[in-house]
Protein backbone atom coordinates (compact mmCIF):
# COMPACT_ATOMS: atom_id res chain seq x y z
CA UNK A 1 81.93 -1.21 -5.25
CA UNK A 2 80.37 -2.64 -2.14
CA UNK A 3 76.66 -3.10 -1.73
CA UNK A 4 74.56 -0.72 0.28
CA UNK A 5 73.87 -1.53 3.89
CA UNK A 6 70.43 -2.17 5.27
CA UNK A 7 69.01 0.86 7.03
CA UNK A 8 68.24 0.33 10.71
CA UNK A 9 64.77 1.33 11.88
CA UNK A 10 65.41 1.56 15.61
CA UNK A 11 67.40 4.61 16.91
CA UNK A 12 69.69 2.36 18.94
CA UNK A 13 70.80 0.72 15.66
CA UNK A 14 71.49 3.98 13.82
CA UNK A 15 75.07 4.69 12.79
CA UNK A 16 75.24 7.81 14.91
CA UNK A 17 74.71 5.70 18.03
CA UNK A 18 78.17 4.22 17.44
CA UNK A 19 79.79 7.53 16.45
CA UNK A 20 82.81 8.77 18.44
CA UNK A 21 82.24 10.88 21.52
CA UNK A 22 81.53 14.50 20.71
CA UNK A 23 80.00 13.84 17.30
CA UNK A 24 76.36 13.96 18.41
CA UNK A 25 76.68 17.23 20.42
CA UNK A 26 78.54 18.91 17.54
CA UNK A 27 76.09 17.77 14.89
CA UNK A 28 73.05 18.81 16.92
CA UNK A 29 74.61 22.20 17.68
CA UNK A 30 75.40 22.90 14.04
CA UNK A 31 71.94 21.81 12.91
CA UNK A 32 70.26 23.92 15.60
CA UNK A 33 72.38 26.92 14.60
CA UNK A 34 71.27 26.51 10.99
CA UNK A 35 67.61 26.53 12.00
CA UNK A 36 68.04 29.59 14.24
CA UNK A 37 70.01 31.61 11.67
CA UNK A 38 67.53 30.79 8.93
CA UNK A 39 64.72 31.98 11.19
CA UNK A 40 66.61 35.22 11.88
CA UNK A 41 67.69 35.85 8.28
CA UNK A 42 65.04 34.35 5.97
CA UNK A 43 65.66 36.91 3.25
CA UNK A 44 63.09 38.78 1.19
CA UNK A 45 59.65 37.45 0.42
CA UNK A 46 59.90 35.13 -2.62
CA UNK A 47 58.55 36.54 -5.86
CA UNK A 48 57.36 34.77 -8.99
CA UNK A 49 60.70 35.51 -10.65
CA UNK A 50 62.51 33.93 -7.69
CA UNK A 51 60.50 30.76 -8.12
CA UNK A 52 61.46 30.64 -11.80
CA UNK A 53 65.13 31.00 -10.91
CA UNK A 54 64.76 28.39 -8.18
CA UNK A 55 63.27 25.96 -10.70
CA UNK A 56 66.04 26.59 -13.24
CA UNK A 57 68.79 25.93 -10.69
CA UNK A 58 67.03 22.88 -9.31
CA UNK A 59 66.63 21.35 -12.76
CA UNK A 60 70.27 22.10 -13.60
CA UNK A 61 71.52 20.64 -10.30
CA UNK A 62 69.49 17.44 -10.56
CA UNK A 63 70.27 17.02 -14.25
CA UNK A 64 73.98 17.38 -13.56
CA UNK A 65 73.71 14.62 -10.94
CA UNK A 66 71.89 12.34 -13.37
CA UNK A 67 74.49 12.95 -16.07
CA UNK A 68 77.32 12.25 -13.61
CA UNK A 69 75.98 9.29 -11.64
CA UNK A 70 78.89 6.97 -12.40
CA UNK A 71 81.45 9.71 -11.85
CA UNK A 72 79.93 10.79 -8.54
CA UNK A 73 79.72 7.20 -7.27
CA UNK A 74 83.35 6.57 -8.18
CA UNK A 75 84.56 9.80 -6.56
CA UNK A 76 82.46 9.24 -3.44
CA UNK A 77 83.66 5.65 -3.10
CA UNK A 78 87.31 6.70 -3.34
CA UNK A 79 87.00 9.77 -1.11
CA UNK A 80 89.39 9.78 1.86
CA UNK A 81 88.77 13.30 3.09
CA UNK A 82 86.59 16.30 2.26
CA UNK A 83 84.48 15.48 -0.80
CA UNK A 84 84.14 18.44 -3.17
CA UNK A 85 80.65 18.30 -4.63
CA UNK A 86 80.22 19.90 -8.04
CA UNK A 87 76.64 20.80 -7.10
CA UNK A 88 78.14 23.77 -5.22
CA UNK A 89 77.89 25.57 -8.56
CA UNK A 90 74.10 25.63 -8.32
CA UNK A 91 73.80 26.02 -4.55
CA UNK A 92 76.16 28.99 -4.35
CA UNK A 93 74.42 30.57 -7.31
CA UNK A 94 71.09 30.15 -5.50
CA UNK A 95 72.51 31.69 -2.33
CA UNK A 96 73.62 34.74 -4.35
CA UNK A 97 70.32 35.47 -6.13
CA UNK A 98 67.54 33.86 -4.07
CA UNK A 99 66.06 34.66 -0.66
CA UNK A 100 67.82 32.62 2.01
CA UNK A 101 64.84 30.37 2.66
CA UNK A 102 64.69 29.43 -1.03
CA UNK A 103 68.45 28.90 -1.24
CA UNK A 104 68.21 26.54 1.72
CA UNK A 105 65.33 24.68 0.10
CA UNK A 106 67.39 24.33 -3.08
CA UNK A 107 70.31 22.91 -1.07
CA UNK A 108 68.15 20.42 0.79
CA UNK A 109 66.48 19.09 -2.36
CA UNK A 110 69.76 18.78 -4.30
CA UNK A 111 71.41 16.97 -1.38
CA UNK A 112 68.40 14.70 -0.95
CA UNK A 113 68.56 13.85 -4.64
CA UNK A 114 72.29 13.10 -4.37
CA UNK A 115 71.74 10.89 -1.35
CA UNK A 116 68.92 8.91 -2.96
CA UNK A 117 70.67 8.50 -6.30
CA UNK A 118 74.30 8.06 -5.18
CA UNK A 119 75.41 8.26 -1.57
CA UNK A 120 73.07 5.84 0.16
CA UNK A 121 74.29 3.11 -2.21
CA UNK A 122 77.91 3.68 -1.23
CA UNK A 123 78.88 1.80 1.91
CA UNK A 124 80.17 4.09 4.65
CA UNK A 125 78.08 7.13 3.68
CA UNK A 126 75.78 7.32 6.71
CA UNK A 127 72.58 9.36 6.57
CA UNK A 128 73.48 11.45 9.61
CA UNK A 129 76.72 12.54 7.94
CA UNK A 130 74.85 13.54 4.79
CA UNK A 131 72.49 15.63 6.94
CA UNK A 132 75.48 17.23 8.66
CA UNK A 133 77.15 18.04 5.33
CA UNK A 134 73.93 19.54 4.01
CA UNK A 135 73.61 21.59 7.19
CA UNK A 136 77.06 23.11 6.70
CA UNK A 137 75.95 24.20 3.22
CA UNK A 138 72.77 25.64 4.73
CA UNK A 139 74.85 27.74 7.13
CA UNK A 140 77.06 28.87 4.28
CA UNK A 141 74.05 29.78 2.12
CA UNK A 142 72.44 31.80 4.92
CA UNK A 143 75.68 33.79 5.26
CA UNK A 144 75.93 34.74 1.57
CA UNK A 145 72.97 37.17 1.50
CA UNK A 146 74.15 39.37 4.40
CA UNK A 147 77.70 39.34 3.03
CA UNK A 148 76.49 40.53 -0.39
CA UNK A 149 74.52 43.36 1.22
CA UNK A 150 77.43 44.24 3.51
CA UNK A 151 79.54 44.66 0.36
CA UNK A 152 76.89 47.04 -1.00
CA UNK A 153 75.29 44.68 -3.52
CA UNK A 154 71.52 44.32 -3.30
CA UNK A 155 71.36 42.20 -6.45
CA UNK A 156 73.73 41.06 -9.17
CA UNK A 157 72.55 43.79 -11.58
CA UNK A 158 74.68 46.44 -9.83
CA UNK A 159 76.77 48.51 -12.22
CA UNK A 160 78.94 50.26 -9.64
CA UNK A 161 82.56 50.45 -10.81
CA UNK A 162 81.53 48.51 -13.94
CA UNK A 163 80.87 45.37 -11.99
CA UNK A 164 83.89 45.62 -9.71
CA UNK A 165 81.71 45.84 -6.62
CA UNK A 166 79.80 42.74 -7.67
CA UNK A 167 83.09 40.90 -8.24
CA UNK A 168 84.24 41.87 -4.76
CA UNK A 169 80.96 40.75 -3.21
CA UNK A 170 81.04 37.36 -4.97
CA UNK A 171 84.69 36.77 -4.03
CA UNK A 172 84.10 37.63 -0.37
CA UNK A 173 80.90 35.59 -0.28
CA UNK A 174 82.67 32.62 -1.88
CA UNK A 175 85.47 32.75 0.66
CA UNK A 176 83.01 32.94 3.55
CA UNK A 177 80.95 30.14 2.01
CA UNK A 178 83.89 27.75 1.64
CA UNK A 179 85.34 28.67 5.05
CA UNK A 180 82.10 27.92 6.88
CA UNK A 181 81.42 24.76 4.93
CA UNK A 182 84.99 23.42 4.90
CA UNK A 183 85.79 24.38 8.48
CA UNK A 184 82.77 22.71 10.04
CA UNK A 185 83.15 19.61 7.85
CA UNK A 186 86.82 19.36 8.87
CA UNK A 187 85.89 19.39 12.56
CA UNK A 188 83.42 16.56 11.96
CA UNK A 189 86.03 14.52 10.07
CA UNK A 190 88.56 15.09 12.85
CA UNK A 191 86.14 13.78 15.45
CA UNK A 192 85.64 10.60 13.43
CA UNK A 193 89.38 10.24 12.67
CA UNK A 194 91.33 11.93 15.49
CA UNK A 195 94.69 10.57 14.31
CA UNK A 196 94.35 11.95 10.81
CA UNK A 197 96.70 14.89 10.11
CA UNK A 198 95.02 18.25 9.67
CA UNK A 199 96.59 18.55 6.22
CA UNK A 200 94.50 15.59 5.06
CA UNK A 201 91.46 16.71 7.03
CA UNK A 202 91.10 20.14 5.42
CA UNK A 203 91.93 18.80 1.97
CA UNK A 204 94.84 19.13 -0.43
CA UNK A 205 95.66 22.25 -2.39
CA UNK A 206 94.11 20.81 -5.53
CA UNK A 207 90.93 19.87 -3.66
CA UNK A 208 90.56 23.38 -2.25
CA UNK A 209 91.32 24.85 -5.68
CA UNK A 210 88.51 22.70 -7.10
CA UNK A 211 86.13 24.05 -4.45
CA UNK A 212 87.04 27.63 -5.39
CA UNK A 213 86.59 26.78 -9.07
CA UNK A 214 83.05 25.49 -8.45
CA UNK A 215 82.21 28.66 -6.50
CA UNK A 216 83.61 30.79 -9.33
CA UNK A 217 81.33 28.97 -11.75
CA UNK A 218 78.50 29.47 -9.28
CA UNK A 219 79.11 33.22 -9.21
CA UNK A 220 79.11 33.36 -13.00
CA UNK A 221 75.94 31.27 -13.09
CA UNK A 222 74.23 33.73 -10.73
CA UNK A 223 74.97 36.63 -13.06
CA UNK A 224 73.87 34.66 -16.13
CA UNK A 225 70.69 33.54 -14.35
CA UNK A 226 69.63 37.14 -13.71
CA UNK A 227 70.76 38.73 -16.98
CA UNK A 228 70.20 35.94 -19.54
CA UNK A 229 68.34 33.05 -17.84
CA UNK A 230 68.27 30.80 -20.90
CA UNK A 231 72.08 30.77 -21.02
CA UNK A 232 72.23 28.88 -17.69
CA UNK A 233 71.86 25.73 -19.80
CA UNK A 234 75.30 26.47 -21.24
CA UNK A 235 76.84 26.10 -17.75
CA UNK A 236 75.72 22.50 -17.45
CA UNK A 237 78.12 20.88 -19.92
CA UNK A 238 81.29 22.57 -18.52
CA UNK A 239 80.37 21.40 -15.00
CA UNK A 240 79.77 17.81 -16.16
CA UNK A 241 83.04 17.73 -18.14
CA UNK A 242 84.97 19.26 -15.23
CA UNK A 243 83.50 16.59 -12.96
CA UNK A 244 84.70 13.82 -15.26
CA UNK A 245 88.15 15.36 -15.57
CA UNK A 246 88.45 15.53 -11.78
CA UNK A 247 87.77 11.79 -11.56
CA UNK A 248 90.30 11.05 -14.28
CA UNK A 249 92.89 13.08 -12.41
CA UNK A 250 92.14 11.23 -9.20
CA UNK A 251 92.51 7.88 -10.94
CA UNK A 252 95.81 8.95 -12.49
CA UNK A 253 97.13 10.06 -9.12
CA UNK A 254 95.98 6.80 -7.54
CA UNK A 255 97.70 4.75 -10.23
CA UNK A 256 100.93 6.70 -9.68
CA UNK A 257 100.85 6.27 -5.91
CA UNK A 258 102.20 3.37 -3.88
CA UNK A 259 99.37 2.04 -1.72
CA UNK A 260 101.45 1.43 1.42
CA UNK A 261 103.58 4.57 1.60
CA UNK A 262 101.79 7.18 -0.52
CA UNK A 263 105.00 7.72 -2.51
CA UNK A 264 105.30 7.41 -6.27
CA UNK A 265 105.30 3.92 -7.71
CA UNK A 266 108.53 2.72 -9.32
CA UNK A 267 107.00 3.25 -12.78
CA UNK A 268 105.95 6.81 -12.03
CA UNK A 269 109.32 7.63 -10.49
CA UNK A 270 111.11 6.28 -13.57
CA UNK A 271 108.88 8.47 -15.74
CA UNK A 272 109.86 11.54 -13.72
CA UNK A 273 113.53 10.62 -14.01
CA UNK A 274 113.08 10.28 -17.79
CA UNK A 275 111.49 13.73 -17.89
CA UNK A 276 114.38 15.18 -15.91
CA UNK A 277 116.84 13.69 -18.42
CA UNK A 278 115.05 15.46 -21.27
CA UNK A 279 114.78 18.89 -19.70
CA UNK A 280 117.92 19.15 -17.57
CA UNK A 281 120.84 21.32 -18.60
CA UNK A 282 122.94 20.79 -15.50
CA UNK A 283 123.50 18.24 -12.77
CA UNK A 284 121.05 16.17 -10.76
CA UNK A 285 121.34 13.19 -8.43
CA UNK A 286 119.74 9.80 -7.94
CA UNK A 287 119.69 8.18 -4.51
CA UNK A 288 118.84 4.61 -3.61
CA UNK A 289 117.88 4.33 0.06
CA UNK A 290 117.63 0.78 1.40
CA UNK A 291 116.62 -0.08 4.97
CA UNK A 292 119.13 -2.36 6.66
CA UNK A 293 117.96 -5.78 7.86
CA UNK A 294 114.34 -4.82 7.32
CA UNK A 295 113.32 -8.46 6.88
CA UNK A 296 113.94 -8.93 10.60
CA UNK A 297 111.25 -6.34 11.34
CA UNK A 298 108.65 -8.34 9.42
CA UNK A 299 109.86 -11.68 10.74
CA UNK A 300 110.00 -10.55 14.36
CA UNK A 301 107.11 -8.13 14.70
CA UNK A 302 104.80 -8.92 11.76
CA UNK A 303 104.03 -7.33 8.43
CA UNK A 304 101.60 -4.79 9.88
CA UNK A 305 104.44 -3.38 11.97
CA UNK A 306 106.67 -3.50 8.90
CA UNK A 307 104.15 -1.49 6.89
CA UNK A 308 104.00 1.11 9.67
CA UNK A 309 107.79 1.41 9.58
CA UNK A 310 107.74 1.83 5.79
CA UNK A 311 105.17 4.63 6.05
CA UNK A 312 107.18 6.48 8.69
CA UNK A 313 110.40 6.10 6.74
CA UNK A 314 108.63 7.39 3.63
CA UNK A 315 107.47 10.47 5.57
CA UNK A 316 110.95 10.92 7.01
CA UNK A 317 112.68 10.75 3.62
CA UNK A 318 110.14 13.14 2.08
CA UNK A 319 110.68 15.57 4.95
CA UNK A 320 114.35 15.95 4.00
CA UNK A 321 113.61 16.90 0.38
CA UNK A 322 112.62 20.02 -1.49
CA UNK A 323 109.16 20.47 -2.98
CA UNK A 324 110.39 19.76 -6.52
CA UNK A 325 112.35 16.60 -5.67
CA UNK A 326 110.73 13.21 -6.30
CA UNK A 327 110.73 10.09 -4.14
CA UNK A 328 109.23 6.71 -4.93
CA UNK A 329 109.07 3.27 -3.44
CA UNK A 330 111.38 1.24 -5.64
CA UNK A 331 110.40 -2.08 -4.15
CA UNK A 332 110.28 -3.81 -0.78
CA UNK A 333 112.20 -1.63 1.64
CA UNK A 334 114.07 0.39 -1.02
CA UNK A 335 113.29 4.00 -1.91
CA UNK A 336 114.40 5.94 -5.00
CA UNK A 337 115.04 9.68 -4.77
CA UNK A 338 115.52 12.21 -7.59
CA UNK A 339 117.29 15.40 -6.51
CA UNK A 340 116.84 18.01 -9.25
CA UNK A 341 119.32 20.84 -9.97
CA UNK A 342 121.97 19.84 -7.49
CA UNK A 343 125.73 19.19 -7.48
CA UNK A 344 127.44 16.29 -5.72
CA UNK A 345 128.34 18.03 -2.42
CA UNK A 346 124.75 19.13 -1.98
CA UNK A 347 123.45 15.68 -2.88
CA UNK A 348 125.78 14.10 -0.31
CA UNK A 349 124.44 16.46 2.33
CA UNK A 350 120.84 15.48 1.52
CA UNK A 351 121.73 11.77 1.56
CA UNK A 352 123.45 12.18 4.91
CA UNK A 353 120.43 13.99 6.35
CA UNK A 354 118.20 11.12 5.21
CA UNK A 355 120.52 8.56 6.80
CA UNK A 356 120.64 10.41 10.12
CA UNK A 357 116.87 10.99 10.14
CA UNK A 358 116.19 7.28 9.62
CA UNK A 359 118.69 6.39 12.37
CA UNK A 360 116.89 8.73 14.80
CA UNK A 361 113.49 7.31 13.94
CA UNK A 362 111.31 5.51 16.50
CA UNK A 363 108.07 4.01 15.20
CA UNK A 364 105.18 3.38 17.57
CA UNK A 365 102.99 0.42 16.62
CA UNK A 366 100.15 -1.48 18.27
CA UNK A 367 100.45 -5.26 18.47
CA UNK A 368 97.72 -7.25 20.23
CA UNK A 369 96.31 -4.06 21.80
CA UNK A 370 99.71 -3.19 23.27
CA UNK A 371 101.78 -0.17 22.26
CA UNK A 372 105.39 -0.80 21.22
CA UNK A 373 108.24 1.27 19.84
CA UNK A 374 110.50 -0.02 17.05
CA UNK A 375 113.88 1.68 16.98
CA UNK A 376 117.52 1.03 16.03
CA UNK A 377 116.70 1.46 12.34
CA UNK A 378 119.31 2.35 9.73
CA UNK A 379 119.62 2.82 5.98
CA UNK A 380 122.35 2.40 3.40
CA UNK A 381 122.32 5.12 0.73
CA UNK A 382 123.79 4.97 -2.77
CA UNK A 383 124.38 8.15 -4.78
CA UNK A 384 124.78 8.59 -8.55
CA UNK A 385 125.27 11.94 -10.32
CA UNK A 386 124.15 12.91 -13.80
CA UNK A 387 125.95 12.92 -16.20
CA UNK A 388 129.04 11.37 -14.59
CA UNK A 389 127.36 8.09 -13.55
CA UNK A 390 125.16 7.73 -16.65
CA UNK A 391 122.93 9.51 -19.14
CA UNK A 392 119.97 7.11 -19.26
CA UNK A 393 117.38 6.01 -16.72
CA UNK A 394 118.76 2.48 -16.49
CA UNK A 395 122.40 3.55 -16.22
CA UNK A 396 121.70 6.04 -13.43
CA UNK A 397 119.57 3.57 -11.48
CA UNK A 398 122.21 0.90 -11.94
CA UNK A 399 124.97 3.23 -10.74
CA UNK A 400 122.98 4.25 -7.66
CA UNK A 401 122.28 0.56 -6.96
CA UNK A 402 125.98 -0.27 -7.19
CA UNK A 403 126.76 2.55 -4.76
CA UNK A 404 124.04 1.32 -2.38
CA UNK A 405 125.47 -2.21 -2.37
CA UNK A 406 128.91 -0.77 -1.69
CA UNK A 407 127.35 0.96 1.32
CA UNK A 408 126.02 -2.42 2.47
CA UNK A 409 129.47 -3.99 2.12
CA UNK A 410 131.02 -1.01 3.91
CA UNK A 411 129.14 -1.93 7.08
CA UNK A 412 125.67 -0.45 6.39
CA UNK A 413 124.28 2.84 7.72
CA UNK A 414 126.55 4.89 5.43
CA UNK A 415 126.33 7.03 2.29
CA UNK A 416 128.42 5.92 -0.69
CA UNK A 417 128.70 7.63 -4.08
CA UNK A 418 129.16 5.80 -7.37
CA UNK A 419 132.19 8.04 -7.91
CA UNK A 420 133.84 6.80 -4.70
CA UNK A 421 136.52 4.17 -5.02
CA UNK A 422 135.33 0.85 -3.55
CA UNK A 423 136.95 0.06 -0.20
CA UNK A 424 137.31 -3.54 0.94
CA UNK A 425 137.13 -2.74 4.65
CA UNK A 426 134.02 -1.59 6.45
CA UNK A 427 134.28 2.09 7.40
CA UNK A 428 131.41 2.15 9.85
CA UNK A 429 130.36 -0.52 12.29
CA UNK A 430 126.71 -0.86 13.25
CA UNK A 431 125.04 -3.15 15.77
CA UNK A 432 124.24 -6.60 14.43
CA UNK A 433 121.10 -6.89 16.53
CA UNK A 434 117.75 -6.45 14.80
CA UNK A 435 115.72 -3.27 15.26
CA UNK A 436 114.66 -3.32 18.87
CA UNK A 437 111.11 -3.42 20.20
CA UNK A 438 110.58 -1.45 23.37
CA UNK A 439 107.42 -2.14 25.35
CA UNK A 440 105.69 0.82 26.87
CA UNK A 441 104.24 0.32 30.34
CA UNK A 442 100.44 0.50 30.44
CA UNK A 443 100.58 3.92 32.14
CA UNK A 444 102.39 5.40 29.12
CA UNK A 445 100.23 3.82 26.40
CA UNK A 446 98.10 6.15 24.37
């Protein structure tokens, strides 16, 4: 983990001074909106009981941070998109049971504690972005009270429809809370990283599910806080354990992911093939997809350009597959594909689609501040079917490799099955020139 940066004292040296265009106006607008809405909807006048609840949630939130310091630092350091903070459990609970002004105070203190204890030590976590993130939570908290009342719930002790109305109010409030928070954070991330796909900007399905899980715990905590305050302590351990399990899952996913392409590693792909062998009762296929003359890309245009080509090819191959198929980077410029529940004609069709998609691919790269397009790519694809080509991981991979090398000898840019009879003559001729590099004129560069 990198060391913390020195904090600049002069405004001209602040991180926000170097932020992309549009960041400062957006951040100031959101922060001004939070102040205005809090002034318009401050909630009821705090009572002694509210202060007791405020204290209980504050202690729980800060204690959870202290118990999870290492976990939070590791998750924050590895974050590459929206960071789901487990402290939402306490902040959403406060928004549901406390006056808005107290809920906002709770959010600010918890975020300040997180920043002082964790985030300011992690390089890249600028103070202005922490303020912006906290402000989105403030807006979300201010919205919860009116939503609860709009649903007909004045407090969580309502007994209408045996708690069904309260459930509805908490669900609607949670959805509004996460939409406001997540939506505004996503816009800020997009301004900082305009080329990042929206799918990565708004978070993965598992990340959004985690956010909803924390809000569900927050809703339950709100009810417990009002009905049996002492039992709030029982919510602390599940949140801490969930936090640790989230980190373990992230580390497992990272270990199973190829760093250059985002595909499975060879080891993870082999494990999935082994699992398929155990559970399958029918046919499935293994493909080996190897880029033709890829070494010329690296030698001619550099390894950075080669990595960009690998990433685009990985996306292209994945785009031709079903959600339950698996693709991994086998090594170098070779990709391994597992096609579950499929017969040979269907597998040939998929392999042919992959080959054609790679052949149609143009990859735009930047070399020495100049935009270029690498085209004229091709791939040789080997196909092996279970159980005809083998009944073990090694035998199926070997059969697909043999078929892929036959495709190379057949002239490249073709699909060959292990079941096909080897042919001495090349069936398809492809250009012998390396993948071409087309320079874009300055007027067309983006």
